[in-house]
């Protein structure tokens, strides 16, 4: 079932909950189930998949750091406004 939420009117707590729900639904929608033997046979015995996954994770982490730095710089320069919420 599809629905939408006016995120512009959401409080920080509501937005955080909405993001969590969206992430959970997206993860479940993209998950594939299968038996371990089939998955193992598909991946093979070499380390290629493990290495590719590790490389992707490191590249993604580096990009996330760059994106965050750009966001912080934009906020400090006054180009965008951001609500900073402290984790409790």
PDB file of N, CA and C in Angstrom:
ATOM      1  N   UNK A   1       0.839  -1.161   0.000  1.00  0.00           N
ATOM      2  CA  UNK A   1       0.000   0.000   0.000  1.00  0.00           C
ATOM      3  C   UNK A   1       0.891   1.233   0.000  1.00  0.00           C
ATOM      4  N   UNK A   2       0.568   2.186  -0.810  1.00  0.00           N
ATOM      5  CA  UNK A   2       1.370   3.406  -0.884  1.00  0.00           C
ATOM      6  C   UNK A   2       0.703   4.521  -0.095  1.00  0.00           C
ATOM      7  N   UNK A   3       1.538   5.340   0.518  1.00  0.00           N
ATOM      8  CA  UNK A   3       1.057   6.528   1.187  1.00  0.00           C
ATOM      9  C   UNK A   3       2.182   7.542   1.205  1.00  0.00           C
ATOM     10  N   UNK A   4       1.862   8.756   1.532  1.00  0.00           N
ATOM     11  CA  UNK A   4       2.893   9.782   1.626  1.00  0.00           C
ATOM     12  C   UNK A   4       2.698  10.565   2.910  1.00  0.00           C
ATOM     13  N   UNK A   5       3.758  11.221   3.315  1.00  0.00           N
ATOM     14  CA  UNK A   5       3.753  12.009   4.529  1.00  0.00           C
ATOM     15  C   UNK A   5       4.321  13.384   4.188  1.00  0.00           C
ATOM     16  N   UNK A   6       3.735  14.415   4.736  1.00  0.00           N
ATOM     17  CA  UNK A   6       4.265  15.768   4.529  1.00  0.00           C
ATOM     18  C   UNK A   6       5.433  15.957   5.490  1.00  0.00           C
ATOM     19  N   UNK A   7       6.626  15.616   5.020  1.00  0.00           N
ATOM     20  CA  UNK A   7       7.793  15.659   5.897  1.00  0.00           C
ATOM     21  C   UNK A   7       8.146  17.077   6.320  1.00  0.00           C
ATOM     22  N   UNK A   8       7.754  18.077   5.541  1.00  0.00           N
ATOM     23  CA  UNK A   8       8.042  19.464   5.908  1.00  0.00           C
ATOM     24  C   UNK A   8       7.338  19.857   7.204  1.00  0.00           C
ATOM     25  N   UNK A   9       6.240  19.192   7.518  1.00  0.00           N
ATOM     26  CA  UNK A   9       5.482  19.508   8.730  1.00  0.00           C
ATOM     27  C   UNK A   9       5.817  18.570   9.892  1.00  0.00           C
ATOM     28  N   UNK A  10       6.703  17.627   9.654  1.00  0.00           N
ATOM     29  CA  UNK A  10       7.027  16.642  10.681  1.00  0.00           C
ATOM     30  C   UNK A  10       8.025  17.211  11.681  1.00  0.00           C
ATOM     31  N   UNK A  11       7.880  16.795  12.920  1.00  0.00           N
ATOM     32  CA  UNK A  11       8.858  17.163  13.946  1.00  0.00           C
ATOM     33  C   UNK A  11      10.110  16.310  13.733  1.00  0.00           C
ATOM     34  N   UNK A  12      11.232  16.680  14.338  1.00  0.00           N
ATOM     35  CA  UNK A  12      12.433  15.847  14.199  1.00  0.00           C
ATOM     36  C   UNK A  12      12.213  14.401  14.636  1.00  0.00           C
ATOM     37  N   UNK A  13      11.469  14.198  15.707  1.00  0.00           N
ATOM     38  CA  UNK A  13      11.191  12.837  16.178  1.00  0.00           C
ATOM     39  C   UNK A  13      10.341  12.084  15.158  1.00  0.00           C
ATOM     40  N   UNK A  14       9.304  12.736  14.624  1.00  0.00           N
ATOM     41  CA  UNK A  14       8.452  12.097  13.621  1.00  0.00           C
ATOM     42  C   UNK A  14       9.253  11.775  12.358  1.00  0.00           C
ATOM     43  N   UNK A  15      10.125  12.686  11.954  1.00  0.00           N
ATOM     44  CA  UNK A  15      10.937  12.470  10.760  1.00  0.00           C
ATOM     45  C   UNK A  15      11.880  11.293  10.951  1.00  0.00           C
ATOM     46  N   UNK A  16      12.446  11.183  12.141  1.00  0.00           N
ATOM     47  CA  UNK A  16      13.335  10.062  12.447  1.00  0.00           C
ATOM     48  C   UNK A  16      12.575   8.736  12.385  1.00  0.00           C
ATOM     49  N   UNK A  17      11.367   8.720  12.951  1.00  0.00           N
ATOM     50  CA  UNK A  17      10.548   7.500  12.913  1.00  0.00           C
ATOM     51  C   UNK A  17      10.163   7.144  11.472  1.00  0.00           C
ATOM     52  N   UNK A  18       9.791   8.164  10.707  1.00  0.00           N
ATOM     53  CA  UNK A  18       9.416   7.947   9.310  1.00  0.00           C
ATOM     54  C   UNK A  18      10.591   7.378   8.520  1.00  0.00           C
ATOM     55  N   UNK A  19      11.780   7.921   8.742  1.00  0.00           N
ATOM     56  CA  UNK A  19      12.971   7.423   8.050  1.00  0.00           C
ATOM     57  C   UNK A  19      13.245   5.970   8.417  1.00  0.00           C
ATOM     58  N   UNK A  20      13.064   5.634   9.690  1.00  0.00           N
ATOM     59  CA  UNK A  20      13.283   4.255  10.131  1.00  0.00           C
ATOM     60  C   UNK A  20      12.299   3.300   9.443  1.00  0.00           C
ATOM     61  N   UNK A  21      11.036   3.709   9.377  1.00  0.00           N
ATOM     62  CA  UNK A  21      10.020   2.877   8.719  1.00  0.00           C
ATOM     63  C   UNK A  21      10.349   2.714   7.235  1.00  0.00           C
ATOM     64  N   UNK A  22      10.711   3.822   6.579  1.00  0.00           N
ATOM     65  CA  UNK A  22      11.050   3.755   5.149  1.00  0.00           C
ATOM     66  C   UNK A  22      12.231   2.820   4.911  1.00  0.00           C
ATOM     67  N   UNK A  23      13.250   2.930   5.753  1.00  0.00           N
ATOM     68  CA  UNK A  23      14.424   2.067   5.609  1.00  0.00           C
ATOM     69  C   UNK A  23      14.083   0.601   5.799  1.00  0.00           C
ATOM     70  N   UNK A  24      13.256   0.316   6.782  1.00  0.00           N
ATOM     71  CA  UNK A  24      12.856  -1.072   7.036  1.00  0.00           C
ATOM     72  C   UNK A  24      12.058  -1.636   5.869  1.00  0.00           C
ATOM     73  N   UNK A  25      11.104  -0.864   5.388  1.00  0.00           N
ATOM     74  CA  UNK A  25      10.271  -1.320   4.269  1.00  0.00           C
ATOM     75  C   UNK A  25      11.126  -1.519   3.016  1.00  0.00           C
ATOM     76  N   UNK A  26      12.026  -0.585   2.756  1.00  0.00           N
ATOM     77  CA  UNK A  26      12.894  -0.692   1.579  1.00  0.00           C
ATOM     78  C   UNK A  26      13.789  -1.924   1.675  1.00  0.00           C
ATOM     79  N   UNK A  27      14.353  -2.162   2.844  1.00  0.00           N
ATOM     80  CA  UNK A  27      15.217  -3.331   3.026  1.00  0.00           C
ATOM     81  C   UNK A  27      14.455  -4.626   2.800  1.00  0.00           C
ATOM     82  N   UNK A  28      13.268  -4.697   3.335  1.00  0.00           N
ATOM     83  CA  UNK A  28      12.465  -5.916   3.161  1.00  0.00           C
ATOM     84  C   UNK A  28      12.032  -6.101   1.710  1.00  0.00           C
ATOM     85  N   UNK A  29      11.743  -4.999   1.037  1.00  0.00           N
ATOM     86  CA  UNK A  29      11.308  -5.087  -0.352  1.00  0.00           C
ATOM     87  C   UNK A  29      12.429  -5.583  -1.254  1.00  0.00           C
ATOM     88  N   UNK A  30      13.675  -5.264  -0.895  1.00  0.00           N
ATOM     89  CA  UNK A  30      14.800  -5.649  -1.734  1.00  0.00           C
ATOM     90  C   UNK A  30      15.464  -6.955  -1.305  1.00  0.00           C
ATOM     91  N   UNK A  31      15.054  -7.475  -0.176  1.00  0.00           N
ATOM     92  CA  UNK A  31      15.652  -8.711   0.323  1.00  0.00           C
ATOM     93  C   UNK A  31      15.168  -9.899  -0.502  1.00  0.00           C
ATOM     94  N   UNK A  32      16.083 -10.794  -0.761  1.00  0.00           N
ATOM     95  CA  UNK A  32      15.717 -12.033  -1.440  1.00  0.00           C
ATOM     96  C   UNK A  32      16.012 -13.164  -0.477  1.00  0.00           C
ATOM     97  N   UNK A  33      15.112 -14.077  -0.411  1.00  0.00           N
ATOM     98  CA  UNK A  33      15.373 -15.220   0.440  1.00  0.00           C
ATOM     99  C   UNK A  33      15.853 -16.365  -0.430  1.00  0.00           C
ATOM    100  N   UNK A  34      16.598 -17.206   0.149  1.00  0.00           N
ATOM    101  CA  UNK A  34      17.100 -18.370  -0.569  1.00  0.00           C
ATOM    102  C   UNK A  34      17.804 -19.272   0.410  1.00  0.00           C
ATOM    103  N   UNK A  35      18.000 -20.482  -0.006  1.00  0.00           N
ATOM    104  CA  UNK A  35      18.671 -21.382   0.912  1.00  0.00           C
ATOM    105  C   UNK A  35      20.181 -21.172   0.834  1.00  0.00           C
ATOM    106  N   UNK A  36      20.852 -21.490   1.909  1.00  0.00           N
ATOM    107  CA  UNK A  36      22.279 -21.220   2.044  1.00  0.00           C
ATOM    108  C   UNK A  36      23.099 -21.922   0.967  1.00  0.00           C
ATOM    109  N   UNK A  37      22.744 -23.125   0.595  1.00  0.00           N
ATOM    110  CA  UNK A  37      23.511 -23.875  -0.410  1.00  0.00           C
ATOM    111  C   UNK A  37      23.455 -23.191  -1.770  1.00  0.00           C
ATOM    112  N   UNK A  38      22.299 -22.674  -2.150  1.00  0.00           N
ATOM    113  CA  UNK A  38      22.162 -21.986  -3.428  1.00  0.00           C
ATOM    114  C   UNK A  38      22.983 -20.707  -3.450  1.00  0.00           C
ATOM    115  N   UNK A  39      22.885 -19.937  -2.369  1.00  0.00           N
ATOM    116  CA  UNK A  39      23.650 -18.695  -2.281  1.00  0.00           C
ATOM    117  C   UNK A  39      25.141 -19.001  -2.294  1.00  0.00           C
ATOM    118  N   UNK A  40      25.562 -19.978  -1.540  1.00  0.00           N
ATOM    119  CA  UNK A  40      26.974 -20.362  -1.503  1.00  0.00           C
ATOM    120  C   UNK A  40      27.461 -20.816  -2.872  1.00  0.00           C
ATOM    121  N   UNK A  41      26.643 -21.576  -3.576  1.00  0.00           N
ATOM    122  CA  UNK A  41      27.014 -22.025  -4.915  1.00  0.00           C
ATOM    123  C   UNK A  41      27.129 -20.870  -5.892  1.00  0.00           C
ATOM    124  N   UNK A  42      26.265 -19.901  -5.750  1.00  0.00           N
ATOM    125  CA  UNK A  42      26.292 -18.733  -6.627  1.00  0.00           C
ATOM    126  C   UNK A  42      27.544 -17.893  -6.374  1.00  0.00           C
ATOM    127  N   UNK A  43      27.906 -17.724  -5.112  1.00  0.00           N
ATOM    128  CA  UNK A  43      29.050 -16.889  -4.768  1.00  0.00           C
ATOM    129  C   UNK A  43      30.381 -17.582  -5.032  1.00  0.00           C
ATOM    130  N   UNK A  44      30.392 -18.889  -4.972  1.00  0.00           N
ATOM    131  CA  UNK A  44      31.623 -19.623  -5.222  1.00  0.00           C
ATOM    132  C   UNK A  44      32.542 -19.655  -4.016  1.00  0.00           C
ATOM    133  N   UNK A  45      33.727 -20.216  -4.219  1.00  0.00           N
ATOM    134  CA  UNK A  45      34.656 -20.395  -3.114  1.00  0.00           C
ATOM    135  C   UNK A  45      35.726 -19.310  -3.065  1.00  0.00           C
ATOM    136  N   UNK A  46      35.835 -18.517  -4.100  1.00  0.00           N
ATOM    137  CA  UNK A  46      36.851 -17.467  -4.125  1.00  0.00           C
ATOM    138  C   UNK A  46      36.415 -16.285  -3.269  1.00  0.00           C
ATOM    139  N   UNK A  47      37.355 -15.378  -3.021  1.00  0.00           N
ATOM    140  CA  UNK A  47      37.082 -14.213  -2.184  1.00  0.00           C
ATOM    141  C   UNK A  47      36.605 -13.005  -2.985  1.00  0.00           C
ATOM    142  N   UNK A  48      36.287 -13.182  -4.257  1.00  0.00           N
ATOM    143  CA  UNK A  48      35.928 -12.048  -5.112  1.00  0.00           C
ATOM    144  C   UNK A  48      34.724 -11.270  -4.580  1.00  0.00           C
ATOM    145  N   UNK A  49      33.690 -11.977  -4.181  1.00  0.00           N
ATOM    146  CA  UNK A  49      32.500 -11.291  -3.681  1.00  0.00           C
ATOM    147  C   UNK A  49      32.805 -10.545  -2.393  1.00  0.00           C
ATOM    148  N   UNK A  50      33.509 -11.213  -1.471  1.00  0.00           N
ATOM    149  CA  UNK A  50      33.862 -10.579  -0.202  1.00  0.00           C
ATOM    150  C   UNK A  50      34.678  -9.310  -0.446  1.00  0.00           C
ATOM    151  N   UNK A  51      35.655  -9.402  -1.333  1.00  0.00           N
ATOM    152  CA  UNK A  51      36.507  -8.256  -1.619  1.00  0.00           C
ATOM    153  C   UNK A  51      35.723  -7.128  -2.292  1.00  0.00           C
ATOM    154  N   UNK A  52      34.838  -7.479  -3.213  1.00  0.00           N
ATOM    155  CA  UNK A  52      34.031  -6.462  -3.895  1.00  0.00           C
ATOM    156  C   UNK A  52      33.097  -5.776  -2.903  1.00  0.00           C
ATOM    157  N   UNK A  53      32.508  -6.543  -2.016  1.00  0.00           N
ATOM    158  CA  UNK A  53      31.611  -5.976  -1.017  1.00  0.00           C
ATOM    159  C   UNK A  53      32.373  -5.062  -0.057  1.00  0.00           C
ATOM    160  N   UNK A  54      33.539  -5.486   0.362  1.00  0.00           N
ATOM    161  CA  UNK A  54      34.373  -4.659   1.234  1.00  0.00           C
ATOM    162  C   UNK A  54      34.805  -3.372   0.548  1.00  0.00           C
ATOM    163  N   UNK A  55      35.209  -3.473  -0.724  1.00  0.00           N
ATOM    164  CA  UNK A  55      35.605  -2.284  -1.477  1.00  0.00           C
ATOM    165  C   UNK A  55      34.436  -1.313  -1.623  1.00  0.00           C
ATOM    166  N   UNK A  56      33.261  -1.850  -1.921  1.00  0.00           N
ATOM    167  CA  UNK A  56      32.073  -1.006  -2.028  1.00  0.00           C
ATOM    168  C   UNK A  56      31.804  -0.294  -0.710  1.00  0.00           C
ATOM    169  N   UNK A  57      31.872  -1.027   0.401  1.00  0.00           N
ATOM    170  CA  UNK A  57      31.588  -0.444   1.710  1.00  0.00           C
ATOM    171  C   UNK A  57      32.560   0.689   2.033  1.00  0.00           C
ATOM    172  N   UNK A  58      33.838   0.492   1.751  1.00  0.00           N
ATOM    173  CA  UNK A  58      34.829   1.538   2.022  1.00  0.00           C
ATOM    174  C   UNK A  58      34.611   2.759   1.130  1.00  0.00           C
ATOM    175  N   UNK A  59      34.322   2.523  -0.139  1.00  0.00           N
ATOM    176  CA  UNK A  59      34.061   3.628  -1.061  1.00  0.00           C
ATOM    177  C   UNK A  59      32.821   4.396  -0.632  1.00  0.00           C
ATOM    178  N   UNK A  60      31.781   3.666  -0.238  1.00  0.00           N
ATOM    179  CA  UNK A  60      30.545   4.294   0.210  1.00  0.00           C
ATOM    180  C   UNK A  60      30.781   5.112   1.480  1.00  0.00           C
ATOM    181  N   UNK A  61      31.568   4.572   2.399  1.00  0.00           N
ATOM    182  CA  UNK A  61      31.878   5.293   3.634  1.00  0.00           C
ATOM    183  C   UNK A  61      32.642   6.575   3.326  1.00  0.00           C
ATOM    184  N   UNK A  62      33.617   6.502   2.427  1.00  0.00           N
ATOM    185  CA  UNK A  62      34.375   7.694   2.041  1.00  0.00           C
ATOM    186  C   UNK A  62      33.456   8.756   1.442  1.00  0.00           C
ATOM    187  N   UNK A  63      32.530   8.333   0.595  1.00  0.00           N
ATOM    188  CA  UNK A  63      31.598   9.273  -0.019  1.00  0.00           C
ATOM    189  C   UNK A  63      30.693   9.902   1.030  1.00  0.00           C
ATOM    190  N   UNK A  64      30.274   9.113   2.005  1.00  0.00           N
ATOM    191  CA  UNK A  64      29.431   9.625   3.077  1.00  0.00           C
ATOM    192  C   UNK A  64      30.166  10.697   3.873  1.00  0.00           C
ATOM    193  N   UNK A  65      31.440  10.482   4.147  1.00  0.00           N
ATOM    194  CA  UNK A  65      32.247  11.478   4.861  1.00  0.00           C
ATOM    195  C   UNK A  65      32.344  12.759   4.040  1.00  0.00           C
ATOM    196  N   UNK A  66      32.583  12.636   2.730  1.00  0.00           N
ATOM    197  CA  UNK A  66      32.663  13.821   1.867  1.00  0.00           C
ATOM    198  C   UNK A  66      31.325  14.550   1.809  1.00  0.00           C
ATOM    199  N   UNK A  67      30.243  13.803   1.692  1.00  0.00           N
ATOM    200  CA  UNK A  67      28.908  14.417   1.651  1.00  0.00           C
ATOM    201  C   UNK A  67      28.612  15.167   2.946  1.00  0.00           C
ATOM    202  N   UNK A  68      28.952  14.572   4.075  1.00  0.00           N
ATOM    203  CA  UNK A  68      28.695  15.223   5.353  1.00  0.00           C
ATOM    204  C   UNK A  68      29.527  16.496   5.477  1.00  0.00           C
ATOM    205  N   UNK A  69      30.779  16.444   5.067  1.00  0.00           N
ATOM    206  CA  UNK A  69      31.633  17.632   5.124  1.00  0.00           C
ATOM    207  C   UNK A  69      31.056  18.747   4.252  1.00  0.00           C
ATOM    208  N   UNK A  70      30.550  18.390   3.083  1.00  0.00           N
ATOM    209  CA  UNK A  70      29.938  19.394   2.202  1.00  0.00           C
ATOM    210  C   UNK A  70      28.681  19.978   2.838  1.00  0.00           C
ATOM    211  N   UNK A  71      27.897  19.141   3.500  1.00  0.00           N
ATOM    212  CA  UNK A  71      26.689  19.618   4.186  1.00  0.00           C
ATOM    213  C   UNK A  71      27.056  20.581   5.306  1.00  0.00           C
ATOM    214  N   UNK A  72      28.017  20.194   6.135  1.00  0.00           N
ATOM    215  CA  UNK A  72      28.441  21.060   7.242  1.00  0.00           C
ATOM    216  C   UNK A  72      28.955  22.389   6.703  1.00  0.00           C
ATOM    217  N   UNK A  73      29.755  22.359   5.637  1.00  0.00           N
ATOM    218  CA  UNK A  73      30.282  23.591   5.051  1.00  0.00           C
ATOM    219  C   UNK A  73      29.156  24.477   4.526  1.00  0.00           C
ATOM    220  N   UNK A  74      28.158  23.876   3.900  1.00  0.00           N
ATOM    221  CA  UNK A  74      27.030  24.642   3.367  1.00  0.00           C
ATOM    222  C   UNK A  74      26.223  25.281   4.484  1.00  0.00           C
ATOM    223  N   UNK A  75      26.057  24.567   5.594  1.00  0.00           N
ATOM    224  CA  UNK A  75      25.327  25.118   6.736  1.00  0.00           C
ATOM    225  C   UNK A  75      26.125  26.269   7.342  1.00  0.00           C
ATOM    226  N   UNK A  76      27.425  26.069   7.533  1.00  0.00           N
ATOM    227  CA  UNK A  76      28.269  27.121   8.119  1.00  0.00           C
ATOM    228  C   UNK A  76      28.319  28.362   7.236  1.00  0.00           C
ATOM    229  N   UNK A  77      28.282  28.155   5.910  1.00  0.00           N
ATOM    230  CA  UNK A  77      28.326  29.291   4.977  1.00  0.00           C
ATOM    231  C   UNK A  77      26.970  29.971   4.841  1.00  0.00           C
ATOM    232  N   UNK A  78      25.936  29.375   5.428  1.00  0.00           N
ATOM    233  CA  UNK A  78      24.608  29.962   5.356  1.00  0.00           C
ATOM    234  C   UNK A  78      23.876  29.679   4.055  1.00  0.00           C
ATOM    235  N   UNK A  79      24.402  28.773   3.242  1.00  0.00           N
ATOM    236  CA  UNK A  79      23.738  28.437   1.975  1.00  0.00           C
ATOM    237  C   UNK A  79      22.481  27.606   2.203  1.00  0.00           C
ATOM    238  N   UNK A  80      22.471  26.846   3.296  1.00  0.00           N
ATOM    239  CA  UNK A  80      21.279  26.068   3.660  1.00  0.00           C
ATOM    240  C   UNK A  80      21.097  26.142   5.167  1.00  0.00           C
ATOM    241  N   UNK A  81      19.889  25.878   5.610  1.00  0.00           N
ATOM    242  CA  UNK A  81      19.599  25.846   7.036  1.00  0.00           C
ATOM    243  C   UNK A  81      19.401  24.392   7.441  1.00  0.00           C
ATOM    244  N   UNK A  82      19.831  24.089   8.641  1.00  0.00           N
ATOM    245  CA  UNK A  82      19.667  22.725   9.137  1.00  0.00           C
ATOM    246  C   UNK A  82      19.311  22.775  10.606  1.00  0.00           C
ATOM    247  N   UNK A  83      18.446  21.886  11.006  1.00  0.00           N
ATOM    248  CA  UNK A  83      18.080  21.731  12.405  1.00  0.00           C
ATOM    249  C   UNK A  83      18.986  20.646  12.962  1.00  0.00           C
ATOM    250  N   UNK A  84      19.770  20.987  13.933  1.00  0.00           N
ATOM    251  CA  UNK A  84      20.683  20.023  14.545  1.00  0.00           C
ATOM    252  C   UNK A  84      19.998  19.432  15.761  1.00  0.00           C
ATOM    253  N   UNK A  85      19.849  18.115  15.775  1.00  0.00           N
ATOM    254  CA  UNK A  85      19.206  17.425  16.894  1.00  0.00           C
ATOM    255  C   UNK A  85      20.246  16.585  17.592  1.00  0.00           C
ATOM    256  N   UNK A  86      20.369  16.767  18.873  1.00  0.00           N
ATOM    257  CA  UNK A  86      21.297  15.980  19.671  1.00  0.00           C
ATOM    258  C   UNK A  86      20.687  14.621  19.922  1.00  0.00           C
ATOM    259  N   UNK A  87      21.496  13.567  19.776  1.00  0.00           N
ATOM    260  CA  UNK A  87      21.027  12.220  20.140  1.00  0.00           C
ATOM    261  C   UNK A  87      20.988  12.124  21.656  1.00  0.00           C
ATOM    262  N   UNK A  88      19.953  11.470  22.149  1.00  0.00           N
ATOM    263  CA  UNK A  88      19.870  11.344  23.603  1.00  0.00           C
ATOM    264  C   UNK A  88      20.133   9.939  24.034  1.00  0.00           C
TER     265      UNK A  88
END
